[in-house]
Amino acid sequence: MKPFLISILVTIAPLLAARIVEKPFEYLNGDVTCEGWAAYDDSTTSKRPSVLIVHQWTGVSDNEKMRARMLAELGYNVFVADVYGKGVRPQPPASGQEAGKYKKDRALLRDRLKTALSVLVKDSRTDTSRVACIGYCFGGTAAIELARGGAALKGVVSFHGGLDSPTPADGKNIKGKVLALHGADDPFVPAADIAAFEQEMKDAGVDYKLVQYPGAVHAFTQKAAGNDNSKGAAYNEAADKASWDEMKTFFSKLFAN
C-alpha cells in the first residue's frame, strides 16, 4: 500500500471507529423523577473530561441534545441535567413561571443540579478530576449557581445566562474558573447585574472571564429565537460560533494534562 494511503487511513481511522451514543437517562432527586440525556463516544472505554449541560427555560430540549452530541464528538462524556423533572417541558409564558420558581429558590435549584452532577460523576466514563458545567439562558444562571454552591467543578460556562445572585458572598465557594458569554445588547440582563457579577468574582478571587458580543441580544445561540433583535431575544450566528469556539479554547486549557 502506498505511504500516502496509509497516512490517510491512520488519520481517519479514529473518526470511522467513533460512535456517538445518545440516550435518555432517568434518575431521582428525592421523590422527583428526572429525565436527563447522555451522550458519549463508545469507541473507547477510557475515562475522559466530562461536561454537565443545564437547559434553558423550557426544560431539556433538542437544543441541549444537539450541544451534547457536539461535545461528545469532541471527546467529552456529557450529561444533560433535568432541573424541572420528567415530562415538565413548559412553553412560554409557562416556562417563565417554572424557571422563576428555581430562581427564587436557589437552594432547590442547587439541590437539583447537584443530583444531576452526581449522575455524571458516578458514570464510569467520567474523569472525576476534570468535570465542568455549561448552561444556556436559565441554564447559564444555573451553571454559575452550581459553582456558587461549592460543587467540585474545574470550570463553568454561562451562555447568555442571568448573572445575578441573591447571595453574592457565595462566590467564595466557587472552586473552578468561570466563563460568562454574554450578548452586549441583551436587554434582560441589566448593567447593574453585570457589574455586581464582576465585583462578586473579584471579591471572591475567582479566575473569571466575561466576553460580550456586540450586536447580540438574549438567546443568541438559539435558532428558534428568530432574528429580530427588537424582541430582546434573537439568534446571532456570529456570536453563536464565536462563543462555542471560546468555550472550546476554555476547555482545552482547563482540561490539559
C-alpha atoms as a PDB file:
ATOM      1  CA  MET A   1       0.000   0.000   0.000  1.00  0.00           C
ATOM      2  CA  LYS A   2       1.321   3.445  -0.887  1.00  0.00           C
ATOM      3  CA  PRO A   3       2.601   5.558   2.033  1.00  0.00           C
ATOM      4  CA  PHE A   4       0.171   8.421   1.478  1.00  0.00           C
ATOM      5  CA  LEU A   5      -2.793   5.998   1.596  1.00  0.00           C
ATOM      6  CA  ILE A   6      -1.528   4.563   4.865  1.00  0.00           C
ATOM      7  CA  SER A   7      -1.237   8.085   6.245  1.00  0.00           C
ATOM      8  CA  ILE A   8      -4.834   8.874   5.277  1.00  0.00           C
ATOM      9  CA  LEU A   9      -6.142   5.663   6.854  1.00  0.00           C
ATOM     10  CA  VAL A  10      -4.266   6.340  10.076  1.00  0.00           C
ATOM     11  CA  THR A  11      -5.781   9.837  10.183  1.00  0.00           C
ATOM     12  CA  ILE A  12      -9.388   8.871   9.535  1.00  0.00           C
ATOM     13  CA  ALA A  13      -9.474   5.533  11.356  1.00  0.00           C
ATOM     14  CA  PRO A  14     -10.399   7.063  14.741  1.00  0.00           C
ATOM     15  CA  LEU A  15     -13.201   9.001  13.079  1.00  0.00           C
ATOM     16  CA  LEU A  16     -14.546   5.890  11.396  1.00  0.00           C
ATOM     17  CA  ALA A  17     -14.428   3.963  14.659  1.00  0.00           C
ATOM     18  CA  ALA A  18     -16.210   6.634  16.694  1.00  0.00           C
ATOM     19  CA  ARG A  19     -19.867   6.033  17.501  1.00  0.00           C
ATOM     20  CA  ILE A  20     -21.792   8.575  19.482  1.00  0.00           C
ATOM     21  CA  VAL A  21     -24.352   7.072  21.832  1.00  0.00           C
ATOM     22  CA  GLU A  22     -27.281   9.335  22.734  1.00  0.00           C
ATOM     23  CA  LYS A  23     -29.999   8.251  25.141  1.00  0.00           C
ATOM     24  CA  PRO A  24     -32.352   9.419  27.910  1.00  0.00           C
ATOM     25  CA  PHE A  25     -31.432   8.591  31.480  1.00  0.00           C
ATOM     26  CA  GLU A  26     -33.817   8.634  34.431  1.00  0.00           C
ATOM     27  CA  TYR A  27     -32.698   9.465  37.944  1.00  0.00           C
ATOM     28  CA  LEU A  28     -34.262  10.579  41.213  1.00  0.00           C
ATOM     29  CA  ASN A  29     -33.964  13.831  43.126  1.00  0.00           C
ATOM     30  CA  GLY A  30     -35.718  12.942  46.354  1.00  0.00           C
ATOM     31  CA  ASP A  31     -39.106  11.671  45.209  1.00  0.00           C
ATOM     32  CA  VAL A  32     -38.977  13.571  41.898  1.00  0.00           C
ATOM     33  CA  THR A  33     -38.179  11.558  38.775  1.00  0.00           C
ATOM     34  CA  CYS A  34     -35.946  13.454  36.383  1.00  0.00           C
ATOM     35  CA  GLU A  35     -35.043  12.526  32.823  1.00  0.00           C
ATOM     36  CA  GLY A  36     -31.683  13.741  31.596  1.00  0.00           C
ATOM     37  CA  TRP A  37     -29.839  12.965  28.386  1.00  0.00           C
ATOM     38  CA  ALA A  38     -26.475  11.220  27.997  1.00  0.00           C
ATOM     39  CA  ALA A  39     -24.080  11.439  25.057  1.00  0.00           C
ATOM     40  CA  TYR A  40     -20.663   9.851  24.644  1.00  0.00           C
ATOM     41  CA  ASP A  41     -18.351   8.139  22.190  1.00  0.00           C
ATOM     42  CA  ASP A  42     -18.453   4.399  22.907  1.00  0.00           C
ATOM     43  CA  SER A  43     -15.477   3.536  20.687  1.00  0.00           C
ATOM     44  CA  THR A  44     -13.349   3.828  23.830  1.00  0.00           C
ATOM     45  CA  THR A  45     -13.903   2.827  27.449  1.00  0.00           C
ATOM     46  CA  SER A  46     -11.293   5.211  28.825  1.00  0.00           C
ATOM     47  CA  LYS A  47     -12.172   7.912  31.318  1.00  0.00           C
ATOM     48  CA  ARG A  48     -12.433  11.392  29.835  1.00  0.00           C
ATOM     49  CA  PRO A  49     -13.203  15.018  30.696  1.00  0.00           C
ATOM     50  CA  SER A  50     -16.925  15.377  31.298  1.00  0.00           C
ATOM     51  CA  VAL A  51     -19.493  18.143  30.935  1.00  0.00           C
ATOM     52  CA  LEU A  52     -22.852  18.724  32.589  1.00  0.00           C
ATOM     53  CA  ILE A  53     -25.268  20.772  30.459  1.00  0.00           C
ATOM     54  CA  VAL A  54     -28.145  22.729  32.012  1.00  0.00           C
ATOM     55  CA  HIS A  55     -31.147  23.503  29.825  1.00  0.00           C
ATOM     56  CA  GLN A  56     -32.842  26.786  29.011  1.00  0.00           C
ATOM     57  CA  TRP A  57     -36.251  27.776  30.419  1.00  0.00           C
ATOM     58  CA  THR A  58     -38.370  25.238  28.510  1.00  0.00           C
ATOM     59  CA  GLY A  59     -36.528  22.275  30.008  1.00  0.00           C
ATOM     60  CA  VAL A  60     -34.478  19.595  28.246  1.00  0.00           C
ATOM     61  CA  SER A  61     -34.922  20.193  24.516  1.00  0.00           C
ATOM     62  CA  ASP A  62     -33.434  19.275  21.152  1.00  0.00           C
ATOM     63  CA  ASN A  63     -31.055  22.203  21.524  1.00  0.00           C
ATOM     64  CA  GLU A  64     -29.357  20.738  24.615  1.00  0.00           C
ATOM     65  CA  LYS A  65     -29.279  17.312  22.962  1.00  0.00           C
ATOM     66  CA  MET A  66     -27.573  18.853  19.923  1.00  0.00           C
ATOM     67  CA  ARG A  67     -24.964  20.521  22.132  1.00  0.00           C
ATOM     68  CA  ALA A  68     -24.446  17.250  23.997  1.00  0.00           C
ATOM     69  CA  ARG A  69     -23.686  15.488  20.734  1.00  0.00           C
ATOM     70  CA  MET A  70     -21.315  18.253  19.642  1.00  0.00           C
ATOM     71  CA  LEU A  71     -19.399  17.911  22.892  1.00  0.00           C
ATOM     72  CA  ALA A  72     -19.387  14.105  22.691  1.00  0.00           C
ATOM     73  CA  GLU A  73     -17.898  14.384  19.207  1.00  0.00           C
ATOM     74  CA  LEU A  74     -15.107  16.449  20.751  1.00  0.00           C
ATOM     75  CA  GLY A  75     -14.360  13.564  23.113  1.00  0.00           C
ATOM     76  CA  TYR A  76     -16.268  14.574  26.244  1.00  0.00           C
ATOM     77  CA  ASN A  77     -18.617  12.471  28.328  1.00  0.00           C
ATOM     78  CA  VAL A  78     -21.803  14.536  28.529  1.00  0.00           C
ATOM     79  CA  PHE A  79     -24.943  14.577  30.624  1.00  0.00           C
ATOM     80  CA  VAL A  80     -27.856  16.993  30.286  1.00  0.00           C
ATOM     81  CA  ALA A  81     -29.427  17.792  33.653  1.00  0.00           C
ATOM     82  CA  ASP A  82     -33.203  17.883  34.073  1.00  0.00           C
ATOM     83  CA  VAL A  83     -33.965  20.555  36.646  1.00  0.00           C
ATOM     84  CA  TYR A  84     -37.743  20.509  36.204  1.00  0.00           C
ATOM     85  CA  GLY A  85     -38.491  16.772  36.337  1.00  0.00           C
ATOM     86  CA  LYS A  86     -39.589  14.216  33.785  1.00  0.00           C
ATOM     87  CA  GLY A  87     -42.317  15.442  31.453  1.00  0.00           C
ATOM     88  CA  VAL A  88     -42.153  19.043  32.671  1.00  0.00           C
ATOM     89  CA  ARG A  89     -41.341  20.896  29.468  1.00  0.00           C
ATOM     90  CA  PRO A  90     -43.263  24.192  29.648  1.00  0.00           C
ATOM     91  CA  GLN A  91     -43.565  26.613  26.754  1.00  0.00           C
ATOM     92  CA  PRO A  92     -43.821  30.411  27.117  1.00  0.00           C
ATOM     93  CA  PRO A  93     -45.283  32.002  29.149  1.00  0.00           C
ATOM     94  CA  ALA A  94     -45.460  28.984  31.479  1.00  0.00           C
ATOM     95  CA  SER A  95     -41.715  28.439  31.055  1.00  0.00           C
ATOM     96  CA  GLY A  96     -41.043  31.787  32.699  1.00  0.00           C
ATOM     97  CA  GLN A  97     -43.083  30.767  35.709  1.00  0.00           C
ATOM     98  CA  GLU A  98     -41.304  27.419  36.003  1.00  0.00           C
ATOM     99  CA  ALA A  99     -37.843  28.947  35.683  1.00  0.00           C
ATOM    100  CA  GLY A 100     -38.830  31.648  38.153  1.00  0.00           C
ATOM    101  CA  LYS A 101     -39.611  29.028  40.776  1.00  0.00           C
ATOM    102  CA  TYR A 102     -35.996  27.911  40.813  1.00  0.00           C
ATOM    103  CA  LYS A 103     -34.508  31.384  40.501  1.00  0.00           C
ATOM    104  CA  LYS A 104     -36.422  32.363  43.628  1.00  0.00           C
ATOM    105  CA  ASP A 105     -35.388  29.195  45.454  1.00  0.00           C
ATOM    106  CA  ARG A 106     -31.666  28.846  44.821  1.00  0.00           C
ATOM    107  CA  ALA A 107     -31.368  26.064  47.409  1.00  0.00           C
ATOM    108  CA  LEU A 108     -33.823  23.948  45.425  1.00  0.00           C
ATOM    109  CA  LEU A 109     -32.014  24.778  42.187  1.00  0.00           C
ATOM    110  CA  ARG A 110     -28.672  23.772  43.641  1.00  0.00           C
ATOM    111  CA  ASP A 111     -30.125  20.538  45.001  1.00  0.00           C
ATOM    112  CA  ARG A 112     -31.487  19.529  41.591  1.00  0.00           C
ATOM    113  CA  LEU A 113     -28.182  20.404  39.938  1.00  0.00           C
ATOM    114  CA  LYS A 114     -26.046  18.548  42.475  1.00  0.00           C
ATOM    115  CA  THR A 115     -28.084  15.408  41.943  1.00  0.00           C
ATOM    116  CA  ALA A 116     -27.585  15.632  38.184  1.00  0.00           C
ATOM    117  CA  LEU A 117     -23.878  16.274  38.684  1.00  0.00           C
ATOM    118  CA  SER A 118     -23.633  13.160  40.860  1.00  0.00           C
ATOM    119  CA  VAL A 119     -25.071  11.117  37.974  1.00  0.00           C
ATOM    120  CA  LEU A 120     -22.287  12.357  35.714  1.00  0.00           C
ATOM    121  CA  VAL A 121     -19.558  11.929  38.328  1.00  0.00           C
ATOM    122  CA  LYS A 122     -20.591   8.332  39.058  1.00  0.00           C
ATOM    123  CA  ASP A 123     -20.515   7.395  35.375  1.00  0.00           C
ATOM    124  CA  SER A 124     -17.646   5.016  34.602  1.00  0.00           C
ATOM    125  CA  ARG A 125     -16.526   7.174  31.667  1.00  0.00           C
ATOM    126  CA  THR A 126     -16.035  10.291  33.788  1.00  0.00           C
ATOM    127  CA  ASP A 127     -12.613  11.513  34.826  1.00  0.00           C
ATOM    128  CA  THR A 128     -13.764  12.999  38.119  1.00  0.00           C
ATOM    129  CA  SER A 129     -10.791  15.363  38.259  1.00  0.00           C
ATOM    130  CA  ARG A 130     -11.912  17.016  35.011  1.00  0.00           C
ATOM    131  CA  VAL A 131     -15.577  17.991  35.181  1.00  0.00           C
ATOM    132  CA  ALA A 132     -17.232  21.215  34.015  1.00  0.00           C
ATOM    133  CA  CYS A 133     -20.738  22.598  33.656  1.00  0.00           C
ATOM    134  CA  ILE A 134     -22.277  24.742  30.922  1.00  0.00           C
ATOM    135  CA  GLY A 135     -25.745  26.210  30.561  1.00  0.00           C
ATOM    136  CA  TYR A 136     -27.960  28.274  28.303  1.00  0.00           C
ATOM    137  CA  CYS A 137     -30.180  31.192  29.434  1.00  0.00           C
ATOM    138  CA  PHE A 138     -31.800  29.794  32.616  1.00  0.00           C
ATOM    139  CA  GLY A 139     -29.125  27.110  32.428  1.00  0.00           C
ATOM    140  CA  GLY A 140     -26.380  29.726  32.331  1.00  0.00           C
ATOM    141  CA  THR A 141     -27.669  31.119  35.608  1.00  0.00           C
ATOM    142  CA  ALA A 142     -27.865  27.575  36.966  1.00  0.00           C
ATOM    143  CA  ALA A 143     -24.312  26.638  35.954  1.00  0.00           C
ATOM    144  CA  ILE A 144     -22.861  29.524  37.933  1.00  0.00           C
ATOM    145  CA  GLU A 145     -25.230  28.788  40.807  1.00  0.00           C
ATOM    146  CA  LEU A 146     -23.945  25.214  40.957  1.00  0.00           C
ATOM    147  CA  ALA A 147     -20.422  26.581  41.294  1.00  0.00           C
ATOM    148  CA  ARG A 148     -21.586  29.042  43.977  1.00  0.00           C
ATOM    149  CA  GLY A 149     -22.875  26.023  45.871  1.00  0.00           C
ATOM    150  CA  GLY A 150     -19.340  24.674  46.148  1.00  0.00           C
ATOM    151  CA  ALA A 151     -19.542  21.894  43.547  1.00  0.00           C
ATOM    152  CA  ALA A 152     -16.237  20.300  42.595  1.00  0.00           C
ATOM    153  CA  LEU A 153     -16.043  21.723  39.093  1.00  0.00           C
ATOM    154  CA  LYS A 154     -12.937  22.684  37.129  1.00  0.00           C
ATOM    155  CA  GLY A 155     -14.957  25.360  35.403  1.00  0.00           C
ATOM    156  CA  VAL A 156     -18.361  26.634  34.327  1.00  0.00           C
ATOM    157  CA  VAL A 157     -19.565  28.352  31.173  1.00  0.00           C
ATOM    158  CA  SER A 158     -22.671  30.516  31.005  1.00  0.00           C
ATOM    159  CA  PHE A 159     -24.166  31.208  27.574  1.00  0.00           C
ATOM    160  CA  HIS A 160     -26.412  34.303  27.750  1.00  0.00           C
ATOM    161  CA  GLY A 161     -27.389  33.475  31.321  1.00  0.00           C
ATOM    162  CA  GLY A 162     -28.584  35.716  34.115  1.00  0.00           C
ATOM    163  CA  LEU A 163     -25.602  36.787  36.223  1.00  0.00           C
ATOM    164  CA  ASP A 164     -27.428  37.968  39.327  1.00  0.00           C
ATOM    165  CA  SER A 165     -27.123  36.370  42.754  1.00  0.00           C
ATOM    166  CA  PRO A 166     -29.258  36.901  45.881  1.00  0.00           C
ATOM    167  CA  THR A 167     -26.209  35.898  47.959  1.00  0.00           C
ATOM    168  CA  PRO A 168     -23.091  37.282  46.239  1.00  0.00           C
ATOM    169  CA  ALA A 169     -20.932  36.228  49.175  1.00  0.00           C
ATOM    170  CA  ASP A 170     -21.395  32.671  47.905  1.00  0.00           C
ATOM    171  CA  GLY A 171     -18.903  33.495  45.173  1.00  0.00           C
ATOM    172  CA  LYS A 172     -16.236  32.479  47.676  1.00  0.00           C
ATOM    173  CA  ASN A 173     -17.434  28.861  47.317  1.00  0.00           C
ATOM    174  CA  ILE A 174     -16.517  28.694  43.629  1.00  0.00           C
ATOM    175  CA  LYS A 175     -13.692  26.201  43.181  1.00  0.00           C
ATOM    176  CA  GLY A 176     -13.020  26.483  39.446  1.00  0.00           C
ATOM    177  CA  LYS A 177     -12.842  29.028  36.663  1.00  0.00           C
ATOM    178  CA  VAL A 178     -15.842  30.905  35.284  1.00  0.00           C
ATOM    179  CA  LEU A 179     -16.510  31.934  31.684  1.00  0.00           C
ATOM    180  CA  ALA A 180     -19.537  34.163  31.043  1.00  0.00           C
ATOM    181  CA  LEU A 181     -20.525  34.599  27.379  1.00  0.00           C
ATOM    182  CA  HIS A 182     -22.940  37.492  27.083  1.00  0.00           C
ATOM    183  CA  GLY A 183     -24.819  39.427  24.434  1.00  0.00           C
ATOM    184  CA  ALA A 184     -23.657  43.041  24.695  1.00  0.00           C
ATOM    185  CA  ASP A 185     -27.153  44.266  23.791  1.00  0.00           C
ATOM    186  CA  ASP A 186     -29.085  41.814  25.988  1.00  0.00           C
ATOM    187  CA  PRO A 187     -31.967  43.838  27.498  1.00  0.00           C
ATOM    188  CA  PHE A 188     -32.830  41.137  30.034  1.00  0.00           C
ATOM    189  CA  VAL A 189     -29.546  41.376  31.944  1.00  0.00           C
ATOM    190  CA  PRO A 190     -29.202  44.843  33.483  1.00  0.00           C
ATOM    191  CA  ALA A 191     -25.822  46.570  33.521  1.00  0.00           C
ATOM    192  CA  ALA A 192     -26.081  46.581  37.315  1.00  0.00           C
ATOM    193  CA  ASP A 193     -26.201  42.760  37.317  1.00  0.00           C
ATOM    194  CA  ILE A 194     -23.093  42.573  35.156  1.00  0.00           C
ATOM    195  CA  ALA A 195     -21.227  44.970  37.415  1.00  0.00           C
ATOM    196  CA  ALA A 196     -22.345  43.060  40.513  1.00  0.00           C
ATOM    197  CA  PHE A 197     -21.262  39.761  38.957  1.00  0.00           C
ATOM    198  CA  GLU A 198     -17.799  41.077  38.181  1.00  0.00           C
ATOM    199  CA  GLN A 199     -17.476  42.502  41.684  1.00  0.00           C
ATOM    200  CA  GLU A 200     -18.582  39.172  43.151  1.00  0.00           C
ATOM    201  CA  MET A 201     -15.930  37.325  41.140  1.00  0.00           C
ATOM    202  CA  LYS A 202     -13.207  39.812  42.081  1.00  0.00           C
ATOM    203  CA  ASP A 203     -14.119  39.848  45.775  1.00  0.00           C
ATOM    204  CA  ALA A 204     -14.050  36.036  45.831  1.00  0.00           C
ATOM    205  CA  GLY A 205     -10.766  35.828  43.935  1.00  0.00           C
ATOM    206  CA  VAL A 206     -12.338  33.747  41.168  1.00  0.00           C
ATOM    207  CA  ASP A 207     -10.460  33.292  37.898  1.00  0.00           C
ATOM    208  CA  TYR A 208     -13.168  34.524  35.530  1.00  0.00           C
ATOM    209  CA  LYS A 209     -13.651  35.974  32.065  1.00  0.00           C
ATOM    210  CA  LEU A 210     -16.613  37.929  30.734  1.00  0.00           C
ATOM    211  CA  VAL A 211     -16.982  38.109  26.956  1.00  0.00           C
ATOM    212  CA  GLN A 212     -19.597  40.428  25.456  1.00  0.00           C
ATOM    213  CA  TYR A 213     -20.614  40.068  21.812  1.00  0.00           C
ATOM    214  CA  PRO A 214     -21.571  43.343  20.069  1.00  0.00           C
ATOM    215  CA  GLY A 215     -24.960  43.283  18.361  1.00  0.00           C
ATOM    216  CA  ALA A 216     -26.040  40.122  20.211  1.00  0.00           C
ATOM    217  CA  VAL A 217     -29.101  40.060  22.445  1.00  0.00           C
ATOM    218  CA  HIS A 218     -30.510  37.360  24.717  1.00  0.00           C
ATOM    219  CA  ALA A 219     -30.614  33.731  23.471  1.00  0.00           C
ATOM    220  CA  PHE A 220     -28.023  34.385  20.755  1.00  0.00           C
ATOM    221  CA  THR A 221     -27.225  30.651  20.426  1.00  0.00           C
ATOM    222  CA  GLN A 222     -30.877  29.638  19.961  1.00  0.00           C
ATOM    223  CA  LYS A 223     -32.004  29.423  16.330  1.00  0.00           C
ATOM    224  CA  ALA A 224     -35.617  29.076  17.464  1.00  0.00           C
ATOM    225  CA  ALA A 225     -35.408  32.623  18.849  1.00  0.00           C
ATOM    226  CA  GLY A 226     -35.598  34.063  15.320  1.00  0.00           C
ATOM    227  CA  ASN A 227     -33.552  37.013  14.102  1.00  0.00           C
ATOM    228  CA  ASP A 228     -35.449  40.073  15.323  1.00  0.00           C
ATOM    229  CA  ASN A 229     -33.250  41.832  17.894  1.00  0.00           C
ATOM    230  CA  SER A 230     -36.091  44.200  18.772  1.00  0.00           C
ATOM    231  CA  LYS A 231     -37.763  41.335  20.650  1.00  0.00           C
ATOM    232  CA  GLY A 232     -34.831  41.205  23.042  1.00  0.00           C
ATOM    233  CA  ALA A 233     -34.036  37.571  22.219  1.00  0.00           C
ATOM    234  CA  ALA A 234     -32.704  36.506  18.818  1.00  0.00           C
ATOM    235  CA  TYR A 235     -30.234  34.152  17.190  1.00  0.00           C
ATOM    236  CA  ASN A 236     -26.868  35.584  16.170  1.00  0.00           C
ATOM    237  CA  GLU A 237     -24.789  33.239  14.040  1.00  0.00           C
ATOM    238  CA  ALA A 238     -21.517  35.092  14.554  1.00  0.00           C
ATOM    239  CA  ALA A 239     -21.931  35.204  18.331  1.00  0.00           C
ATOM    240  CA  ASP A 240     -23.048  31.566  18.403  1.00  0.00           C
ATOM    241  CA  LYS A 241     -19.927  30.381  16.587  1.00  0.00           C
ATOM    242  CA  ALA A 242     -17.587  32.715  18.456  1.00  0.00           C
ATOM    243  CA  SER A 243     -18.941  31.684  21.866  1.00  0.00           C
ATOM    244  CA  TRP A 244     -18.649  27.972  21.024  1.00  0.00           C
ATOM    245  CA  ASP A 245     -15.036  28.499  19.973  1.00  0.00           C
ATOM    246  CA  GLU A 246     -14.420  30.464  23.183  1.00  0.00           C
ATOM    247  CA  MET A 247     -15.779  27.529  25.185  1.00  0.00           C
ATOM    248  CA  LYS A 248     -13.623  25.026  23.289  1.00  0.00           C
ATOM    249  CA  THR A 249     -10.492  27.058  23.980  1.00  0.00           C
ATOM    250  CA  PHE A 250     -11.507  27.377  27.628  1.00  0.00           C
ATOM    251  CA  PHE A 251     -11.938  23.604  27.931  1.00  0.00           C
ATOM    252  CA  SER A 252      -8.709  22.764  26.115  1.00  0.00           C
ATOM    253  CA  LYS A 253      -6.778  24.771  28.702  1.00  0.00           C
ATOM    254  CA  LEU A 254      -8.961  23.738  31.635  1.00  0.00           C
ATOM    255  CA  PHE A 255      -8.616  20.009  30.981  1.00  0.00           C
ATOM    256  CA  ALA A 256      -5.000  19.949  29.802  1.00  0.00           C
ATOM    257  CA  ASN A 257      -2.988  17.226  31.491  1.00  0.00           C
END
